Amino acid sequence: MNITVSGRNFDMTEAIRDYAENKIKKFDKLLAKDPGTAVECNVTLIVEKYRHKAEVLIQANGMVIQAESITGEMYASIDEVIEKLDRQIVKHKEKLSSKRKSVSKEVIEDHVVLAEEHERIIKEEKFEMKPMNPEEAAMQLELLGKDFYVFTNTKTGDINVIYIRKDGNFGLIEPVK
């Protein structure tokens, strides 16, 4: 497992870095299917005034798991984000075992967030696009905890968008040919 711990707006001590790395290492056994499978983990610790924020992004076996926590103390933020990640991973494992499907590769190409007032691109993300069916994309969407997910449909080869509707169900947007 490759763990990168970085800090913003504070001097990171070895104790905090070791604490975060040791907490994250427990997920290596849960996420690595094969001994040679690469699991990438980025931990960002941020201090903003009196708020201590821990953000974690894990990429393993084609899935992306993300969580963040804000508390008044950095150690508490790290503990809380670990609990959130643990719940997400357990939920994902249960879905896989119940549906008996393997996890496909993560497939968001460009995620662009528009500012409501000025409609300017304020954040841009690039992800590797790998084909999956809509059911797998729905699992990834729930795992990420986002409002929508962009993926390449294995049946059509087109880029599709899956989103969560207000009633809690999923909606699928496909291009017209």
C-alpha atoms as a PDB file:
ATOM      1  CA  MET A   1       0.000   0.000   0.000  1.00  0.00           C
ATOM      2  CA  ASN A   2       1.404   3.381  -1.041  1.00  0.00           C
ATOM      3  CA  ILE A   3       0.395   5.993   1.527  1.00  0.00           C
ATOM      4  CA  THR A   4       1.057   9.692   1.007  1.00  0.00           C
ATOM      5  CA  VAL A   5       0.397  11.940   4.003  1.00  0.00           C
ATOM      6  CA  SER A   6       0.529  15.687   3.443  1.00  0.00           C
ATOM      7  CA  GLY A   7      -0.390  18.660   5.578  1.00  0.00           C
ATOM      8  CA  ARG A   8      -1.599  22.173   4.893  1.00  0.00           C
ATOM      9  CA  ASN A   9      -1.437  25.209   7.158  1.00  0.00           C
ATOM     10  CA  PHE A  10       0.434  23.481   9.990  1.00  0.00           C
ATOM     11  CA  ASP A  11       3.731  21.794  10.778  1.00  0.00           C
ATOM     12  CA  MET A  12       3.194  18.055  10.525  1.00  0.00           C
ATOM     13  CA  THR A  13       4.938  16.074  13.224  1.00  0.00           C
ATOM     14  CA  GLU A  14       6.222  12.544  12.830  1.00  0.00           C
ATOM     15  CA  ALA A  15       3.713  11.430  15.472  1.00  0.00           C
ATOM     16  CA  ILE A  16       0.725  12.644  13.424  1.00  0.00           C
ATOM     17  CA  ARG A  17       2.166  11.190  10.199  1.00  0.00           C
ATOM     18  CA  ASP A  18       2.791   7.798  11.846  1.00  0.00           C
ATOM     19  CA  TYR A  19      -0.648   7.828  13.479  1.00  0.00           C
ATOM     20  CA  ALA A  20      -2.390   8.440  10.140  1.00  0.00           C
ATOM     21  CA  GLU A  21      -0.269   5.852   8.295  1.00  0.00           C
ATOM     22  CA  ASN A  22      -0.855   3.151  10.926  1.00  0.00           C
ATOM     23  CA  LYS A  23      -4.615   3.756  10.877  1.00  0.00           C
ATOM     24  CA  ILE A  24      -4.737   3.557   7.057  1.00  0.00           C
ATOM     25  CA  LYS A  25      -2.583   0.394   6.852  1.00  0.00           C
ATOM     26  CA  LYS A  26      -5.423  -1.734   8.245  1.00  0.00           C
ATOM     27  CA  PHE A  27      -7.320  -1.251   4.977  1.00  0.00           C
ATOM     28  CA  ASP A  28      -4.552  -2.885   2.933  1.00  0.00           C
ATOM     29  CA  LYS A  29      -5.757  -6.376   3.870  1.00  0.00           C
ATOM     30  CA  LEU A  30      -9.371  -5.497   3.051  1.00  0.00           C
ATOM     31  CA  LEU A  31      -8.663  -3.881  -0.312  1.00  0.00           C
ATOM     32  CA  ALA A  32      -5.853  -5.862  -1.933  1.00  0.00           C
ATOM     33  CA  LYS A  33      -7.240  -8.786  -3.929  1.00  0.00           C
ATOM     34  CA  ASP A  34      -3.871 -10.031  -5.087  1.00  0.00           C
ATOM     35  CA  PRO A  35      -0.560  -9.613  -3.272  1.00  0.00           C
ATOM     36  CA  GLY A  36       0.772  -7.528  -6.174  1.00  0.00           C
ATOM     37  CA  THR A  37      -2.249  -5.233  -6.369  1.00  0.00           C
ATOM     38  CA  ALA A  38      -1.338  -1.584  -5.931  1.00  0.00           C
ATOM     39  CA  VAL A  39      -3.384   0.323  -3.392  1.00  0.00           C
ATOM     40  CA  GLU A  40      -2.850   4.086  -3.490  1.00  0.00           C
ATOM     41  CA  CYS A  41      -3.866   6.242  -0.541  1.00  0.00           C
ATOM     42  CA  ASN A  42      -3.641  10.027  -0.248  1.00  0.00           C
ATOM     43  CA  VAL A  43      -4.180  11.556   3.187  1.00  0.00           C
ATOM     44  CA  THR A  44      -4.418  15.331   3.469  1.00  0.00           C
ATOM     45  CA  LEU A  45      -4.475  16.956   6.892  1.00  0.00           C
ATOM     46  CA  ILE A  46      -5.609  20.595   6.943  1.00  0.00           C
ATOM     47  CA  VAL A  47      -5.902  23.200   9.694  1.00  0.00           C
ATOM     48  CA  GLU A  48      -8.246  26.143   9.059  1.00  0.00           C
ATOM     49  CA  LYS A  49      -8.610  28.403  12.098  1.00  0.00           C
ATOM     50  CA  TYR A  50      -9.999  26.069  14.776  1.00  0.00           C
ATOM     51  CA  ARG A  51     -11.096  23.349  12.362  1.00  0.00           C
ATOM     52  CA  HIS A  52      -8.926  20.286  11.848  1.00  0.00           C
ATOM     53  CA  LYS A  53      -9.797  18.427   8.660  1.00  0.00           C
ATOM     54  CA  ALA A  54      -8.687  14.995   7.473  1.00  0.00           C
ATOM     55  CA  GLU A  55      -9.327  13.973   3.852  1.00  0.00           C
ATOM     56  CA  VAL A  56      -8.566  10.476   2.544  1.00  0.00           C
ATOM     57  CA  LEU A  57      -8.729   9.174  -1.025  1.00  0.00           C
ATOM     58  CA  ILE A  58      -8.071   5.467  -1.610  1.00  0.00           C
ATOM     59  CA  GLN A  59      -7.744   3.884  -5.050  1.00  0.00           C
ATOM     60  CA  ALA A  60      -7.686   0.084  -5.123  1.00  0.00           C
ATOM     61  CA  ASN A  61      -8.849  -2.607  -7.530  1.00  0.00           C
ATOM     62  CA  GLY A  62     -10.440   0.003  -9.770  1.00  0.00           C
ATOM     63  CA  MET A  63     -12.588   1.526  -7.060  1.00  0.00           C
ATOM     64  CA  VAL A  64     -12.253   4.927  -5.463  1.00  0.00           C
ATOM     65  CA  ILE A  65     -13.171   5.501  -1.819  1.00  0.00           C
ATOM     66  CA  GLN A  66     -13.202   8.991  -0.403  1.00  0.00           C
ATOM     67  CA  ALA A  67     -14.040  10.436   3.012  1.00  0.00           C
ATOM     68  CA  GLU A  68     -13.385  13.535   5.059  1.00  0.00           C
ATOM     69  CA  SER A  69     -13.892  14.635   8.634  1.00  0.00           C
ATOM     70  CA  ILE A  70     -13.757  17.976  10.438  1.00  0.00           C
ATOM     71  CA  THR A  71     -13.374  18.231  14.210  1.00  0.00           C
ATOM     72  CA  GLY A  72     -11.587  20.409  16.740  1.00  0.00           C
ATOM     73  CA  GLU A  73      -8.552  18.109  17.004  1.00  0.00           C
ATOM     74  CA  MET A  74      -6.456  16.415  14.302  1.00  0.00           C
ATOM     75  CA  TYR A  75      -6.318  12.981  15.974  1.00  0.00           C
ATOM     76  CA  ALA A  76     -10.114  12.971  16.339  1.00  0.00           C
ATOM     77  CA  SER A  77     -10.493  13.928  12.665  1.00  0.00           C
ATOM     78  CA  ILE A  78      -8.240  11.051  11.635  1.00  0.00           C
ATOM     79  CA  ASP A  79     -10.188   8.580  13.801  1.00  0.00           C
ATOM     80  CA  GLU A  80     -13.518   9.790  12.417  1.00  0.00           C
ATOM     81  CA  VAL A  81     -12.414   9.588   8.784  1.00  0.00           C
ATOM     82  CA  ILE A  82     -11.109   6.040   9.390  1.00  0.00           C
ATOM     83  CA  GLU A  83     -14.527   5.042  10.752  1.00  0.00           C
ATOM     84  CA  LYS A  84     -16.222   6.501   7.672  1.00  0.00           C
ATOM     85  CA  LEU A  85     -13.854   4.635   5.350  1.00  0.00           C
ATOM     86  CA  ASP A  86     -14.400   1.399   7.270  1.00  0.00           C
ATOM     87  CA  ARG A  87     -18.184   1.712   6.868  1.00  0.00           C
ATOM     88  CA  GLN A  88     -17.833   2.413   3.138  1.00  0.00           C
ATOM     89  CA  ILE A  89     -15.542  -0.553   2.564  1.00  0.00           C
ATOM     90  CA  VAL A  90     -17.756  -2.950   4.548  1.00  0.00           C
ATOM     91  CA  LYS A  91     -20.825  -1.711   2.659  1.00  0.00           C
ATOM     92  CA  HIS A  92     -19.047  -2.227  -0.642  1.00  0.00           C
ATOM     93  CA  LYS A  93     -17.870  -5.738   0.287  1.00  0.00           C
ATOM     94  CA  GLU A  94     -21.424  -6.695   1.307  1.00  0.00           C
ATOM     95  CA  LYS A  95     -22.817  -5.468  -2.010  1.00  0.00           C
ATOM     96  CA  LEU A  96     -20.223  -7.426  -3.926  1.00  0.00           C
ATOM     97  CA  SER A  97     -20.949 -10.634  -2.060  1.00  0.00           C
ATOM     98  CA  SER A  98     -24.723 -10.229  -2.392  1.00  0.00           C
ATOM     99  CA  LYS A  99     -24.619  -9.497  -6.116  1.00  0.00           C
ATOM    100  CA  ARG A 100     -21.697 -11.852  -6.795  1.00  0.00           C
ATOM    101  CA  LYS A 101     -20.092  -9.400  -9.139  1.00  0.00           C
ATOM    102  CA  SER A 102     -16.533  -8.229  -9.255  1.00  0.00           C
ATOM    103  CA  VAL A 103     -15.648  -4.602  -8.978  1.00  0.00           C
ATOM    104  CA  SER A 104     -14.815  -2.996 -12.283  1.00  0.00           C
ATOM    105  CA  LYS A 105     -12.320  -0.250 -12.845  1.00  0.00           C
ATOM    106  CA  GLU A 106     -13.047   3.335 -11.885  1.00  0.00           C
ATOM    107  CA  VAL A 107     -14.316   5.403 -14.786  1.00  0.00           C
ATOM    108  CA  ILE A 108     -14.769   9.118 -14.302  1.00  0.00           C
ATOM    109  CA  GLU A 109     -13.117  11.116 -17.080  1.00  0.00           C
ATOM    110  CA  ASP A 110     -13.477  14.769 -16.188  1.00  0.00           C
ATOM    111  CA  HIS A 111     -15.363  16.023 -13.168  1.00  0.00           C
ATOM    112  CA  VAL A 112     -16.093  19.720 -13.526  1.00  0.00           C
ATOM    113  CA  VAL A 113     -17.746  21.676 -10.753  1.00  0.00           C
ATOM    114  CA  LEU A 114     -19.314  24.970 -11.813  1.00  0.00           C
ATOM    115  CA  ALA A 115     -19.612  27.892  -9.446  1.00  0.00           C
ATOM    116  CA  GLU A 116     -23.287  28.844  -9.173  1.00  0.00           C
ATOM    117  CA  GLU A 117     -22.811  32.596  -9.352  1.00  0.00           C
ATOM    118  CA  HIS A 118     -20.127  33.006 -12.016  1.00  0.00           C
ATOM    119  CA  GLU A 119     -20.322  29.674 -13.855  1.00  0.00           C
ATOM    120  CA  ARG A 120     -16.547  29.372 -13.993  1.00  0.00           C
ATOM    121  CA  ILE A 121     -14.693  26.124 -13.716  1.00  0.00           C
ATOM    122  CA  ILE A 122     -13.301  26.085 -10.197  1.00  0.00           C
ATOM    123  CA  LYS A 123     -12.132  22.480 -10.000  1.00  0.00           C
ATOM    124  CA  GLU A 124     -11.060  19.969 -12.577  1.00  0.00           C
ATOM    125  CA  GLU A 125     -10.326  16.288 -12.055  1.00  0.00           C
ATOM    126  CA  LYS A 126      -9.158  13.675 -14.522  1.00  0.00           C
ATOM    127  CA  PHE A 127      -9.744   9.963 -14.071  1.00  0.00           C
ATOM    128  CA  GLU A 128      -9.026   6.958 -16.187  1.00  0.00           C
ATOM    129  CA  MET A 129     -12.114   5.854 -18.133  1.00  0.00           C
ATOM    130  CA  LYS A 130     -12.708   2.111 -18.068  1.00  0.00           C
ATOM    131  CA  PRO A 131     -15.925   0.452 -19.311  1.00  0.00           C
ATOM    132  CA  MET A 132     -18.570  -0.811 -16.875  1.00  0.00           C
ATOM    133  CA  ASN A 133     -22.269  -1.524 -16.873  1.00  0.00           C
ATOM    134  CA  PRO A 134     -24.811   0.818 -15.205  1.00  0.00           C
ATOM    135  CA  GLU A 135     -25.204  -1.450 -12.152  1.00  0.00           C
ATOM    136  CA  GLU A 136     -21.476  -1.291 -11.426  1.00  0.00           C
ATOM    137  CA  ALA A 137     -21.539   2.485 -11.952  1.00  0.00           C
ATOM    138  CA  ALA A 138     -24.384   2.742  -9.414  1.00  0.00           C
ATOM    139  CA  MET A 139     -22.242   0.858  -6.877  1.00  0.00           C
ATOM    140  CA  GLN A 140     -19.333   3.227  -7.519  1.00  0.00           C
ATOM    141  CA  LEU A 141     -21.664   6.243  -7.164  1.00  0.00           C
ATOM    142  CA  GLU A 142     -22.880   5.066  -3.760  1.00  0.00           C
ATOM    143  CA  LEU A 143     -19.335   4.250  -2.700  1.00  0.00           C
ATOM    144  CA  LEU A 144     -18.092   7.740  -3.552  1.00  0.00           C
ATOM    145  CA  GLY A 145     -21.067   9.470  -1.956  1.00  0.00           C
ATOM    146  CA  LYS A 146     -21.399  11.921  -4.863  1.00  0.00           C
ATOM    147  CA  ASP A 147     -24.472  13.172  -6.727  1.00  0.00           C
ATOM    148  CA  PHE A 148     -23.478  11.800 -10.134  1.00  0.00           C
ATOM    149  CA  TYR A 149     -20.962   9.520 -11.826  1.00  0.00           C
ATOM    150  CA  VAL A 150     -19.631   9.566 -15.405  1.00  0.00           C
ATOM    151  CA  PHE A 151     -18.664   6.241 -16.988  1.00  0.00           C
ATOM    152  CA  THR A 152     -18.236   4.404 -20.292  1.00  0.00           C
ATOM    153  CA  ASN A 153     -21.088   1.969 -20.879  1.00  0.00           C
ATOM    154  CA  THR A 154     -19.778  -1.517 -21.787  1.00  0.00           C
ATOM    155  CA  LYS A 155     -22.814  -2.310 -23.963  1.00  0.00           C
ATOM    156  CA  THR A 156     -22.844   0.845 -26.097  1.00  0.00           C
ATOM    157  CA  GLY A 157     -19.312   2.181 -25.698  1.00  0.00           C
ATOM    158  CA  ASP A 158     -20.776   5.659 -25.077  1.00  0.00           C
ATOM    159  CA  ILE A 159     -20.144   7.931 -22.129  1.00  0.00           C
ATOM    160  CA  ASN A 160     -23.105   7.844 -19.720  1.00  0.00           C
ATOM    161  CA  VAL A 161     -24.017   9.667 -16.527  1.00  0.00           C
ATOM    162  CA  ILE A 162     -25.727   8.009 -13.584  1.00  0.00           C
ATOM    163  CA  TYR A 163     -27.215  10.157 -10.836  1.00  0.00           C
ATOM    164  CA  ILE A 164     -29.281   9.849  -7.672  1.00  0.00           C
ATOM    165  CA  ARG A 165     -32.840  11.121  -8.029  1.00  0.00           C
ATOM    166  CA  LYS A 166     -34.697  12.954  -5.284  1.00  0.00           C
ATOM    167  CA  ASP A 167     -36.761   9.810  -4.601  1.00  0.00           C
ATOM    168  CA  GLY A 168     -33.537   7.863  -3.855  1.00  0.00           C
ATOM    169  CA  ASN A 169     -33.524   5.855  -7.102  1.00  0.00           C
ATOM    170  CA  PHE A 170     -30.968   6.163  -9.875  1.00  0.00           C
ATOM    171  CA  GLY A 171     -31.294   8.001 -13.164  1.00  0.00           C
ATOM    172  CA  LEU A 172     -29.231   7.199 -16.285  1.00  0.00           C
ATOM    173  CA  ILE A 173     -28.394   9.726 -19.001  1.00  0.00           C
ATOM    174  CA  GLU A 174     -27.380   8.251 -22.367  1.00  0.00           C
ATOM    175  CA  PRO A 175     -26.540  10.107 -25.596  1.00  0.00           C
ATOM    176  CA  VAL A 176     -28.932   9.906 -28.552  1.00  0.00           C
ATOM    177  CA  LYS A 177     -27.454   8.246 -31.644  1.00  0.00           C
END
